[in-house]
C-alpha atoms as a PDB file:
ATOM      1  CA  MET A   1      22.696  -0.981 -13.390  1.00  0.00           C
ATOM      2  CA  SER A   2      20.902  -4.017 -15.225  1.00  0.00           C
ATOM      3  CA  HIS A   3      19.272  -3.333 -18.433  1.00  0.00           C
ATOM      4  CA  THR A   4      16.084  -4.869 -17.190  1.00  0.00           C
ATOM      5  CA  LEU A   5      14.218  -2.348 -15.306  1.00  0.00           C
ATOM      6  CA  TYR A   6      10.447  -2.142 -14.051  1.00  0.00           C
ATOM      7  CA  GLU A   7       8.764   1.084 -13.909  1.00  0.00           C
ATOM      8  CA  ALA A   8       5.950   1.661 -11.657  1.00  0.00           C
ATOM      9  CA  ASN A   9       2.490   1.235 -13.182  1.00  0.00           C
ATOM     10  CA  ALA A  10       1.145   4.139 -10.999  1.00  0.00           C
ATOM     11  CA  HIS A  11       2.514   6.792  -8.518  1.00  0.00           C
ATOM     12  CA  ARG A  12       0.570   7.596  -5.675  1.00  0.00           C
ATOM     13  CA  VAL A  13       1.195   8.939  -2.175  1.00  0.00           C
ATOM     14  CA  HIS A  14       0.403   6.226   0.038  1.00  0.00           C
ATOM     15  CA  ARG A  15       1.538   6.931   3.678  1.00  0.00           C
ATOM     16  CA  CYS A  16      -1.602   5.816   5.299  1.00  0.00           C
ATOM     17  CA  GLU A  17      -4.596   3.568   4.109  1.00  0.00           C
ATOM     18  CA  LEU A  18      -7.619   3.613   6.256  1.00  0.00           C
ATOM     19  CA  ALA A  19      -9.891   0.408   6.534  1.00  0.00           C
ATOM     20  CA  VAL A  20     -13.460   1.400   6.339  1.00  0.00           C
ATOM     21  CA  PRO A  21     -16.239  -1.589   6.697  1.00  0.00           C
ATOM     22  CA  GLY A  22     -18.644  -1.568   3.971  1.00  0.00           C
ATOM     23  CA  SER A  23     -21.356  -2.405   6.335  1.00  0.00           C
ATOM     24  CA  ASN A  24     -21.068   0.784   8.350  1.00  0.00           C
ATOM     25  CA  PRO A  25     -22.082   3.609   6.088  1.00  0.00           C
ATOM     26  CA  GLU A  26     -22.129   6.060   8.965  1.00  0.00           C
ATOM     27  CA  MET A  27     -18.408   5.962   8.886  1.00  0.00           C
ATOM     28  CA  PHE A  28     -17.940   6.778   5.122  1.00  0.00           C
ATOM     29  CA  GLU A  29     -18.302  10.750   5.690  1.00  0.00           C
ATOM     30  CA  LYS A  30     -15.828  10.728   8.716  1.00  0.00           C
ATOM     31  CA  ALA A  31     -13.495   8.546   6.467  1.00  0.00           C
ATOM     32  CA  LEU A  32     -13.825  11.218   3.542  1.00  0.00           C
ATOM     33  CA  LYS A  33     -12.644  14.090   5.949  1.00  0.00           C
ATOM     34  CA  SER A  34     -10.043  12.151   7.600  1.00  0.00           C
ATOM     35  CA  GLY A  35      -6.881  13.414   5.916  1.00  0.00           C
ATOM     36  CA  VAL A  36      -5.741  10.010   4.875  1.00  0.00           C
ATOM     37  CA  ASP A  37      -4.203   9.306   1.464  1.00  0.00           C
ATOM     38  CA  VAL A  38      -5.967   6.070   0.694  1.00  0.00           C
ATOM     39  CA  ILE A  39      -9.055   4.436   2.005  1.00  0.00           C
ATOM     40  CA  PHE A  40     -10.137   0.754   1.339  1.00  0.00           C
ATOM     41  CA  LEU A  41     -13.779   0.394   1.704  1.00  0.00           C
ATOM     42  CA  ASP A  42     -13.966  -3.319   2.863  1.00  0.00           C
ATOM     43  CA  LEU A  43     -16.245  -6.049   1.745  1.00  0.00           C
ATOM     44  CA  GLU A  44     -14.328  -8.895   3.193  1.00  0.00           C
ATOM     45  CA  ASP A  45     -13.223  -9.695   6.782  1.00  0.00           C
ATOM     46  CA  ALA A  46     -14.712  -6.682   8.145  1.00  0.00           C
ATOM     47  CA  VAL A  47     -18.237  -7.556   7.120  1.00  0.00           C
ATOM     48  CA  ALA A  48     -20.386 -10.504   8.419  1.00  0.00           C
ATOM     49  CA  PRO A  49     -21.820 -13.006   5.972  1.00  0.00           C
ATOM     50  CA  ASP A  50     -25.332 -11.942   6.366  1.00  0.00           C
ATOM     51  CA  ASP A  51     -24.186  -8.152   5.496  1.00  0.00           C
ATOM     52  CA  LYS A  52     -22.046  -8.823   2.547  1.00  0.00           C
ATOM     53  CA  LEU A  53     -24.817  -7.803  -0.022  1.00  0.00           C
ATOM     54  CA  GLN A  54     -25.990  -4.765   1.710  1.00  0.00           C
ATOM     55  CA  ALA A  55     -22.405  -3.817   2.347  1.00  0.00           C
ATOM     56  CA  ARG A  56     -21.765  -3.901  -1.330  1.00  0.00           C
ATOM     57  CA  LYS A  57     -24.838  -1.493  -2.142  1.00  0.00           C
ATOM     58  CA  ASN A  58     -23.340   0.642   0.565  1.00  0.00           C
ATOM     59  CA  VAL A  59     -19.905   0.846  -0.960  1.00  0.00           C
ATOM     60  CA  ILE A  60     -21.401   1.326  -4.630  1.00  0.00           C
ATOM     61  CA  LYS A  61     -23.656   4.248  -3.197  1.00  0.00           C
ATOM     62  CA  ALA A  62     -20.696   5.930  -1.298  1.00  0.00           C
ATOM     63  CA  ILE A  63     -18.360   5.648  -4.367  1.00  0.00           C
ATOM     64  CA  ASN A  64     -21.027   7.496  -6.544  1.00  0.00           C
ATOM     65  CA  GLU A  65     -22.178  10.219  -4.045  1.00  0.00           C
ATOM     66  CA  LEU A  66     -19.256  11.185  -2.143  1.00  0.00           C
ATOM     67  CA  ASP A  67     -16.490  13.379  -3.365  1.00  0.00           C
ATOM     68  CA  TRP A  68     -13.431  11.320  -2.676  1.00  0.00           C
ATOM     69  CA  ALA A  69     -11.194  12.763  -5.544  1.00  0.00           C
ATOM     70  CA  GLY A  70     -12.158  16.316  -4.356  1.00  0.00           C
ATOM     71  CA  HIS A  71     -10.650  15.393  -0.695  1.00  0.00           C
ATOM     72  CA  GLY A  72      -7.366  13.915  -2.461  1.00  0.00           C
ATOM     73  CA  ILE A  73      -8.346  10.472  -1.662  1.00  0.00           C
ATOM     74  CA  THR A  74      -7.442   7.217  -3.470  1.00  0.00           C
ATOM     75  CA  VAL A  75     -10.196   4.889  -3.354  1.00  0.00           C
ATOM     76  CA  SER A  76      -9.806   1.106  -3.043  1.00  0.00           C
ATOM     77  CA  ILE A  77     -12.511  -1.746  -2.570  1.00  0.00           C
ATOM     78  CA  ARG A  78     -11.266  -4.932  -0.718  1.00  0.00           C
ATOM     79  CA  ILE A  79     -13.307  -7.472  -2.580  1.00  0.00           C
ATOM     80  CA  ASN A  80     -14.244 -10.780  -0.983  1.00  0.00           C
ATOM     81  CA  GLY A  81     -11.840 -13.866  -1.402  1.00  0.00           C
ATOM     82  CA  LEU A  82     -11.785 -15.610  -4.704  1.00  0.00           C
ATOM     83  CA  ASP A  83     -12.944 -18.874  -2.811  1.00  0.00           C
ATOM     84  CA  THR A  84     -16.157 -17.136  -1.845  1.00  0.00           C
ATOM     85  CA  GLN A  85     -19.577 -16.922  -3.715  1.00  0.00           C
ATOM     86  CA  TYR A  86     -19.451 -13.134  -3.481  1.00  0.00           C
ATOM     87  CA  MET A  87     -16.207 -12.017  -5.254  1.00  0.00           C
ATOM     88  CA  VAL A  88     -17.726 -12.358  -8.944  1.00  0.00           C
ATOM     89  CA  ARG A  89     -20.579 -10.149  -8.170  1.00  0.00           C
ATOM     90  CA  ASP A  90     -18.310  -7.842  -6.152  1.00  0.00           C
ATOM     91  CA  ILE A  91     -16.299  -6.897  -9.145  1.00  0.00           C
ATOM     92  CA  VAL A  92     -19.156  -7.064 -11.793  1.00  0.00           C
ATOM     93  CA  ASP A  93     -21.390  -4.766  -9.821  1.00  0.00           C
ATOM     94  CA  LEU A  94     -18.705  -2.415  -8.863  1.00  0.00           C
ATOM     95  CA  VAL A  95     -17.387  -1.921 -12.368  1.00  0.00           C
ATOM     96  CA  GLU A  96     -20.807  -1.752 -13.862  1.00  0.00           C
ATOM     97  CA  GLN A  97     -22.196   0.747 -11.237  1.00  0.00           C
ATOM     98  CA  CYS A  98     -19.293   3.021 -10.243  1.00  0.00           C
ATOM     99  CA  GLY A  99     -16.076   1.725 -12.350  1.00  0.00           C
ATOM    100  CA  GLU A 100     -14.888   5.128 -13.423  1.00  0.00           C
ATOM    101  CA  LYS A 101     -14.501   6.256  -9.798  1.00  0.00           C
ATOM    102  CA  ILE A 102     -12.653   3.400  -8.492  1.00  0.00           C
ATOM    103  CA  ASP A 103      -8.866   3.722  -8.386  1.00  0.00           C
ATOM    104  CA  THR A 104      -7.975   0.175  -7.256  1.00  0.00           C
ATOM    105  CA  ILE A 105      -9.252  -3.231  -6.322  1.00  0.00           C
ATOM    106  CA  LEU A 106      -7.700  -4.833  -3.344  1.00  0.00           C
ATOM    107  CA  ILE A 107      -7.533  -8.683  -3.583  1.00  0.00           C
ATOM    108  CA  PRO A 108      -7.293 -10.505  -0.278  1.00  0.00           C
ATOM    109  CA  LYS A 109      -5.036 -13.732   0.532  1.00  0.00           C
ATOM    110  CA  VAL A 110      -3.429 -13.777  -2.936  1.00  0.00           C
ATOM    111  CA  GLY A 111      -1.436 -17.042  -3.147  1.00  0.00           C
ATOM    112  CA  VAL A 112      -0.412 -17.441  -6.658  1.00  0.00           C
ATOM    113  CA  TYR A 113      -0.296 -15.091  -9.661  1.00  0.00           C
ATOM    114  CA  SER A 114      -3.222 -16.799 -11.464  1.00  0.00           C
ATOM    115  CA  ASP A 115      -5.324 -15.164  -8.461  1.00  0.00           C
ATOM    116  CA  VAL A 116      -4.219 -11.754 -10.034  1.00  0.00           C
ATOM    117  CA  TYR A 117      -4.748 -13.072 -13.507  1.00  0.00           C
ATOM    118  CA  MET A 118      -8.418 -13.904 -12.587  1.00  0.00           C
ATOM    119  CA  VAL A 119      -9.129 -10.465 -11.453  1.00  0.00           C
ATOM    120  CA  GLU A 120      -7.298  -8.589 -14.334  1.00  0.00           C
ATOM    121  CA  SER A 121      -9.169 -10.663 -16.895  1.00  0.00           C
ATOM    122  CA  MET A 122     -12.440  -9.610 -15.239  1.00  0.00           C
ATOM    123  CA  LEU A 123     -11.652  -6.095 -15.186  1.00  0.00           C
ATOM    124  CA  ASN A 124     -10.251  -6.121 -18.734  1.00  0.00           C
ATOM    125  CA  GLN A 125     -13.656  -7.438 -20.291  1.00  0.00           C
ATOM    126  CA  LEU A 126     -15.934  -5.226 -17.818  1.00  0.00           C
ATOM    127  CA  GLU A 127     -13.841  -2.079 -18.853  1.00  0.00           C
ATOM    128  CA  MET A 128     -14.501  -2.906 -22.385  1.00  0.00           C
ATOM    129  CA  GLN A 129     -18.203  -3.460 -21.972  1.00  0.00           C
ATOM    130  CA  GLN A 130     -18.769  -0.234 -20.114  1.00  0.00           C
ATOM    131  CA  GLY A 131     -16.341   1.820 -22.360  1.00  0.00           C
ATOM    132  CA  LEU A 132     -14.189   2.862 -19.513  1.00  0.00           C
ATOM    133  CA  THR A 133     -11.089   4.763 -20.305  1.00  0.00           C
ATOM    134  CA  LYS A 134      -9.528   4.723 -16.802  1.00  0.00           C
ATOM    135  CA  LYS A 135      -7.708   1.616 -16.085  1.00  0.00           C
ATOM    136  CA  ILE A 136      -8.499   0.187 -12.579  1.00  0.00           C
ATOM    137  CA  GLY A 137      -5.377  -0.742 -10.597  1.00  0.00           C
ATOM    138  CA  ILE A 138      -5.077  -3.784  -8.566  1.00  0.00           C
ATOM    139  CA  GLU A 139      -3.477  -4.201  -5.126  1.00  0.00           C
ATOM    140  CA  CYS A 140      -2.722  -7.449  -3.427  1.00  0.00           C
ATOM    141  CA  LEU A 141      -2.748  -8.623   0.265  1.00  0.00           C
ATOM    142  CA  ILE A 142       0.106 -11.017   0.914  1.00  0.00           C
ATOM    143  CA  GLU A 143      -1.127 -12.712   4.035  1.00  0.00           C
ATOM    144  CA  THR A 144      -0.596 -16.314   3.764  1.00  0.00           C
ATOM    145  CA  ALA A 145       2.312 -18.769   3.595  1.00  0.00           C
ATOM    146  CA  LEU A 146       1.573 -19.561   0.098  1.00  0.00           C
ATOM    147  CA  GLY A 147       1.488 -16.138  -0.941  1.00  0.00           C
ATOM    148  CA  MET A 148       4.881 -15.147   0.628  1.00  0.00           C
ATOM    149  CA  ALA A 149       6.250 -18.310  -0.778  1.00  0.00           C
ATOM    150  CA  ASN A 150       5.219 -16.997  -4.254  1.00  0.00           C
ATOM    151  CA  VAL A 151       5.498 -13.280  -3.486  1.00  0.00           C
ATOM    152  CA  GLU A 152       8.534 -12.630  -6.231  1.00  0.00           C
ATOM    153  CA  ASP A 153       6.397 -14.137  -8.964  1.00  0.00           C
ATOM    154  CA  ILE A 154       3.158 -12.467  -8.064  1.00  0.00           C
ATOM    155  CA  ALA A 155       4.996  -9.013  -8.190  1.00  0.00           C
ATOM    156  CA  LYS A 156       6.844  -9.854 -11.338  1.00  0.00           C
ATOM    157  CA  GLN A 157       3.936 -11.341 -13.408  1.00  0.00           C
ATOM    158  CA  GLY A 158       1.575  -8.582 -11.864  1.00  0.00           C
ATOM    159  CA  ALA A 159       3.736  -5.668 -12.745  1.00  0.00           C
ATOM    160  CA  ILE A 160       4.134  -6.946 -16.439  1.00  0.00           C
ATOM    161  CA  GLY A 161       0.412  -7.241 -16.487  1.00  0.00           C
ATOM    162  CA  GLY A 162       0.143  -3.473 -16.012  1.00  0.00           C
ATOM    163  CA  ARG A 163      -2.447  -3.398 -13.429  1.00  0.00           C
ATOM    164  CA  LEU A 164      -0.656  -4.276 -10.169  1.00  0.00           C
ATOM    165  CA  GLU A 165       0.425  -1.257  -8.184  1.00  0.00           C
ATOM    166  CA  ALA A 166       0.997  -2.358  -4.728  1.00  0.00           C
ATOM    167  CA  LEU A 167       1.491  -5.227  -2.258  1.00  0.00           C
ATOM    168  CA  HIS A 168       0.254  -5.261   1.376  1.00  0.00           C
ATOM    169  CA  PHE A 169       1.410  -7.317   4.335  1.00  0.00           C
ATOM    170  CA  GLY A 170      -1.558  -8.844   6.257  1.00  0.00           C
ATOM    171  CA  VAL A 171       0.117  -9.693   9.403  1.00  0.00           C
ATOM    172  CA  ALA A 172      -2.985 -11.425  11.062  1.00  0.00           C
ATOM    173  CA  ASP A 173      -3.798 -14.063   8.486  1.00  0.00           C
ATOM    174  CA  TYR A 174      -0.054 -14.363   7.849  1.00  0.00           C
ATOM    175  CA  ALA A 175       0.459 -15.355  11.666  1.00  0.00           C
ATOM    176  CA  ALA A 176      -2.417 -17.604  11.437  1.00  0.00           C
ATOM    177  CA  SER A 177      -1.267 -19.354   8.052  1.00  0.00           C
ATOM    178  CA  ASN A 178       2.198 -19.810   9.713  1.00  0.00           C
ATOM    179  CA  ARG A 179       0.721 -20.807  13.047  1.00  0.00           C
ATOM    180  CA  ALA A 180       2.784 -18.310  14.729  1.00  0.00           C
ATOM    181  CA  ARG A 181       2.365 -17.235  18.286  1.00  0.00           C
ATOM    182  CA  THR A 182       1.633 -13.635  18.692  1.00  0.00           C
ATOM    183  CA  THR A 183       0.308 -11.227  21.537  1.00  0.00           C
ATOM    184  CA  ASN A 184      -1.656  -8.739  19.058  1.00  0.00           C
ATOM    185  CA  ILE A 185      -2.313  -7.861  15.416  1.00  0.00           C
ATOM    186  CA  GLY A 186       1.078  -6.424  14.208  1.00  0.00           C
ATOM    187  CA  GLY A 187       2.786  -6.362  17.590  1.00  0.00           C
ATOM    188  CA  LEU A 188       5.890  -8.285  18.772  1.00  0.00           C
ATOM    189  CA  ASN A 189       5.962 -11.386  20.742  1.00  0.00           C
ATOM    190  CA  PRO A 190       8.208 -10.841  23.930  1.00  0.00           C
ATOM    191  CA  ASP A 191       9.614 -14.380  23.449  1.00  0.00           C
ATOM    192  CA  TYR A 192      11.026 -13.554  20.198  1.00  0.00           C
ATOM    193  CA  PRO A 193      14.536 -11.980  20.076  1.00  0.00           C
ATOM    194  CA  GLY A 194      13.629  -8.930  17.836  1.00  0.00           C
ATOM    195  CA  ASP A 195      10.848  -8.423  15.115  1.00  0.00           C
ATOM    196  CA  GLN A 196       9.371 -11.754  14.029  1.00  0.00           C
ATOM    197  CA  TRP A 197       7.722  -9.977  11.114  1.00  0.00           C
ATOM    198  CA  HIS A 198      10.891  -8.365   9.740  1.00  0.00           C
ATOM    199  CA  TYR A 199      11.875 -11.212   7.285  1.00  0.00           C
ATOM    200  CA  ALA A 200       8.322 -11.306   5.766  1.00  0.00           C
ATOM    201  CA  ILE A 201       7.912  -7.519   5.347  1.00  0.00           C
ATOM    202  CA  SER A 202      11.574  -7.501   4.076  1.00  0.00           C
ATOM    203  CA  ARG A 203      10.972  -9.872   1.414  1.00  0.00           C
ATOM    204  CA  MET A 204       7.678  -8.541   0.299  1.00  0.00           C
ATOM    205  CA  THR A 205       9.445  -5.105   0.124  1.00  0.00           C
ATOM    206  CA  VAL A 206      12.329  -6.295  -2.046  1.00  0.00           C
ATOM    207  CA  ALA A 207       9.794  -8.050  -4.363  1.00  0.00           C
ATOM    208  CA  CYS A 208       8.029  -4.748  -4.793  1.00  0.00           C
ATOM    209  CA  ARG A 209      11.103  -2.617  -5.329  1.00  0.00           C
ATOM    210  CA  ALA A 210      12.406  -4.975  -8.042  1.00  0.00           C
ATOM    211  CA  TYR A 211       9.144  -4.709  -9.911  1.00  0.00           C
ATOM    212  CA  GLY A 212       8.096  -1.294  -9.299  1.00  0.00           C
ATOM    213  CA  LEU A 213       5.435  -1.596  -6.873  1.00  0.00           C
ATOM    214  CA  ARG A 214       4.358   0.213  -3.634  1.00  0.00           C
ATOM    215  CA  ALA A 215       5.125  -1.880  -0.438  1.00  0.00           C
ATOM    216  CA  ILE A 216       2.550  -1.243   2.196  1.00  0.00           C
ATOM    217  CA  ASP A 217       2.491  -2.495   5.912  1.00  0.00           C
ATOM    218  CA  GLY A 218      -0.492  -3.827   7.294  1.00  0.00           C
ATOM    219  CA  PRO A 219      -2.500  -3.263  10.442  1.00  0.00           C
ATOM    220  CA  PHE A 220      -1.560  -2.661  14.158  1.00  0.00           C
ATOM    221  CA  GLY A 221      -4.595  -3.982  16.132  1.00  0.00           C
ATOM    222  CA  ASP A 222      -4.145  -2.047  19.340  1.00  0.00           C
ATOM    223  CA  PHE A 223      -5.335   1.405  18.493  1.00  0.00           C
ATOM    224  CA  LYS A 224      -4.959   2.300  22.031  1.00  0.00           C
ATOM    225  CA  ASP A 225      -1.266   2.001  21.822  1.00  0.00           C
ATOM    226  CA  PRO A 226      -0.002   4.741  19.701  1.00  0.00           C
ATOM    227  CA  GLU A 227       3.623   4.234  20.736  1.00  0.00           C
ATOM    228  CA  GLY A 228       3.402   0.661  19.623  1.00  0.00           C
ATOM    229  CA  PHE A 229       1.922   1.774  16.285  1.00  0.00           C
ATOM    230  CA  LYS A 230       4.708   4.162  15.575  1.00  0.00           C
ATOM    231  CA  ASP A 231       7.544   1.748  16.473  1.00  0.00           C
ATOM    232  CA  ALA A 232       5.885  -0.832  13.926  1.00  0.00           C
ATOM    233  CA  ALA A 233       5.589   1.957  11.498  1.00  0.00           C
ATOM    234  CA  ARG A 234       9.141   3.065  11.813  1.00  0.00           C
ATOM    235  CA  ARG A 235      10.332  -0.591  11.555  1.00  0.00           C
ATOM    236  CA  ALA A 236       8.504  -0.940   8.311  1.00  0.00           C
ATOM    237  CA  ALA A 237       9.718   2.317   6.916  1.00  0.00           C
ATOM    238  CA  ALA A 238      13.344   1.630   7.792  1.00  0.00           C
ATOM    239  CA  ILE A 239      13.272  -1.301   5.339  1.00  0.00           C
ATOM    240  CA  GLY A 240      11.473   0.327   2.516  1.00  0.00           C
ATOM    241  CA  CYS A 241       7.697   0.261   3.203  1.00  0.00           C
ATOM    242  CA  GLU A 242       6.058   3.689   2.058  1.00  0.00           C
ATOM    243  CA  GLY A 243       2.997   3.650   4.136  1.00  0.00           C
ATOM    244  CA  LYS A 244       0.904   1.429   6.805  1.00  0.00           C
ATOM    245  CA  TRP A 245      -2.748   0.600   7.466  1.00  0.00           C
ATOM    246  CA  ALA A 246      -4.901   2.472   9.883  1.00  0.00           C
ATOM    247  CA  ILE A 247      -7.809   0.715  11.573  1.00  0.00           C
ATOM    248  CA  HIS A 248      -8.824   3.579  13.427  1.00  0.00           C
ATOM    249  CA  PRO A 249      -8.827   7.146  12.463  1.00  0.00           C
ATOM    250  CA  SER A 250      -6.341   8.017  15.446  1.00  0.00           C
ATOM    251  CA  GLN A 251      -3.728   5.958  13.567  1.00  0.00           C
ATOM    252  CA  ILE A 252      -3.880   8.162  10.551  1.00  0.00           C
ATOM    253  CA  ALA A 253      -1.794  11.236  11.762  1.00  0.00           C
ATOM    254  CA  LEU A 254       0.737   8.779  13.294  1.00  0.00           C
ATOM    255  CA  ALA A 255       1.286   7.096   9.960  1.00  0.00           C
ATOM    256  CA  ASN A 256       1.346  10.314   8.099  1.00  0.00           C
ATOM    257  CA  ASP A 257       4.115  11.535  10.460  1.00  0.00           C
ATOM    258  CA  VAL A 258       6.218   8.357  10.169  1.00  0.00           C
ATOM    259  CA  PHE A 259       6.175   8.146   6.442  1.00  0.00           C
ATOM    260  CA  THR A 260       6.673  11.849   5.807  1.00  0.00           C
ATOM    261  CA  PRO A 261      10.278  12.799   5.489  1.00  0.00           C
ATOM    262  CA  PRO A 262      11.043  15.203   8.260  1.00  0.00           C
ATOM    263  CA  GLU A 263      12.283  18.592   7.043  1.00  0.00           C
ATOM    264  CA  SER A 264      15.916  18.162   8.672  1.00  0.00           C
ATOM    265  CA  GLU A 265      16.118  14.899   6.334  1.00  0.00           C
ATOM    266  CA  VAL A 266      14.819  16.741   3.141  1.00  0.00           C
ATOM    267  CA  GLN A 267      17.461  19.582   3.647  1.00  0.00           C
ATOM    268  CA  LYS A 268      20.268  17.212   4.231  1.00  0.00           C
ATOM    269  CA  ALA A 269      19.297  15.141   1.020  1.00  0.00           C
ATOM    270  CA  LYS A 270      19.408  18.552  -0.822  1.00  0.00           C
ATOM    271  CA  ARG A 271      22.648  19.443   0.584  1.00  0.00           C
ATOM    272  CA  ILE A 272      23.972  16.011  -0.560  1.00  0.00           C
ATOM    273  CA  LEU A 273      22.522  16.749  -4.008  1.00  0.00           C
ATOM    274  CA  ALA A 274      24.273  20.062  -4.300  1.00  0.00           C
ATOM    275  CA  ALA A 275      27.513  18.721  -2.926  1.00  0.00           C
ATOM    276  CA  LEU A 276      27.583  15.975  -5.555  1.00  0.00           C
ATOM    277  CA  LYS A 277      26.669  18.649  -8.335  1.00  0.00           C
ATOM    278  CA  GLU A 278      29.510  20.623  -7.348  1.00  0.00           C
ATOM    279  CA  ALA A 279      32.092  17.811  -7.274  1.00  0.00           C
ATOM    280  CA  ALA A 280      30.712  16.655 -10.657  1.00  0.00           C
ATOM    281  CA  GLU A 281      31.611  20.202 -11.996  1.00  0.00           C
ATOM    282  CA  GLN A 282      35.039  19.502 -10.859  1.00  0.00           C
ATOM    283  CA  GLY A 283      35.475  16.209 -12.585  1.00  0.00           C
ATOM    284  CA  LYS A 284      34.997  14.193  -9.263  1.00  0.00           C
ATOM    285  CA  GLY A 285      32.737  11.174  -8.757  1.00  0.00           C
ATOM    286  CA  ALA A 286      32.493  11.515  -4.992  1.00  0.00           C
ATOM    287  CA  ALA A 287      32.619  14.205  -2.463  1.00  0.00           C
ATOM    288  CA  ALA A 288      32.716  14.793   1.419  1.00  0.00           C
ATOM    289  CA  LEU A 289      30.052  16.309   3.431  1.00  0.00           C
ATOM    290  CA  ASP A 290      29.974  16.624   7.195  1.00  0.00           C
ATOM    291  CA  GLY A 291      33.020  14.467   7.344  1.00  0.00           C
ATOM    292  CA  ARG A 292      31.319  11.551   5.546  1.00  0.00           C
ATOM    293  CA  LEU A 293      31.931  10.243   1.956  1.00  0.00           C
ATOM    294  CA  ILE A 294      29.028  10.683  -0.418  1.00  0.00           C
ATOM    295  CA  ASP A 295      28.970   9.164  -3.934  1.00  0.00           C
ATOM    296  CA  ALA A 296      26.378   8.075  -6.714  1.00  0.00           C
ATOM    297  CA  ALA A 297      24.618   5.679  -4.188  1.00  0.00           C
ATOM    298  CA  SER A 298      24.140   8.729  -1.629  1.00  0.00           C
ATOM    299  CA  GLU A 299      22.773  10.779  -4.478  1.00  0.00           C
ATOM    300  CA  LYS A 300      20.000   7.970  -5.351  1.00  0.00           C
ATOM    301  CA  MET A 301      19.003   7.694  -1.476  1.00  0.00           C
ATOM    302  CA  ALA A 302      18.827  11.604  -1.506  1.00  0.00           C
ATOM    303  CA  ASN A 303      16.672  11.557  -4.535  1.00  0.00           C
ATOM    304  CA  ASN A 304      14.274   9.037  -2.891  1.00  0.00           C
ATOM    305  CA  VAL A 305      13.913  11.669  -0.190  1.00  0.00           C
ATOM    306  CA  VAL A 306      13.512  14.638  -1.993  1.00  0.00           C
ATOM    307  CA  SER A 307      10.906  13.255  -4.626  1.00  0.00           C
ATOM    308  CA  THR A 308       8.822  11.690  -1.826  1.00  0.00           C
ATOM    309  CA  ALA A 309       8.650  14.993  -0.025  1.00  0.00           C
ATOM    310  CA  ALA A 310       7.896  16.613  -3.292  1.00  0.00           C
ATOM    311  CA  ALA A 311       5.111  14.257  -3.986  1.00  0.00           C
ATOM    312  CA  ILE A 312       3.453  14.778  -0.635  1.00  0.00           C
ATOM    313  CA  ALA A 313       3.859  18.483  -0.777  1.00  0.00           C
ATOM    314  CA  ALA A 314       2.058  18.423  -4.265  1.00  0.00           C
ATOM    315  CA  LYS A 315      -0.767  16.470  -2.902  1.00  0.00           C
ATOM    316  CA  ALA A 316      -1.151  18.839   0.034  1.00  0.00           C
END
């Protein structure tokens, strides 16, 4: 193991993240009771330009008046892009008016680390100004060719900065940025022999795991196709993502199911740990279980399963 290790800035259960437009306050109460782990109240793409200012007011009111923490929900806000006229007041108004109740800020279309640094600097100053003791985390959407080209540097520098917690794969804008041909948001193109998003998600996930960040898969647009959603979630989980977006409440249970280790998998992991403990007591570095060799790497994988299940159980 390398002497260079990056510990996570924050540990959160993050199986599913529900997108809720800030311009639709009637959806806030339903989202609060949805059973989702994380909600992002959206000020960006889901809000029309003429509704931006009112959406910000709606979000601030909802954060202050609704008991998100009491429902076990992590609250994130997707601000407008750094290239817009809305971004500065998004951050200033949010932190000044409800900063102590915000868990994370989600930055869209991050292309280079300096995008993250700009938001970090603003949060540093505003938290000092407001006397806040709780540090607001940062999450980034990797949804452009530039962002993916710089994803390792974004992850590394952001982790060192101490606020960056997670990277999300924004498949729709990523497809547009790469001029990719696709049939639906997050779906597969039948002309491609396999999963055309595999490389991008895998590259982002490796960057996350190298620097102690959560890796979250983005949206699946056809909410009337639950099997397609579950297939996409399983592919993401298989390569290391720990959660996925929901753009409709019907997708929450699907994501929670995929990203919660099944009891059979948890019990097998515990058996692996027990077998290796017994082998160690006998002076052995490896063991056999169900006709297969298990060793130190098996122990690490088993610990991942057990710790994830424990965190989910503790949240419940």
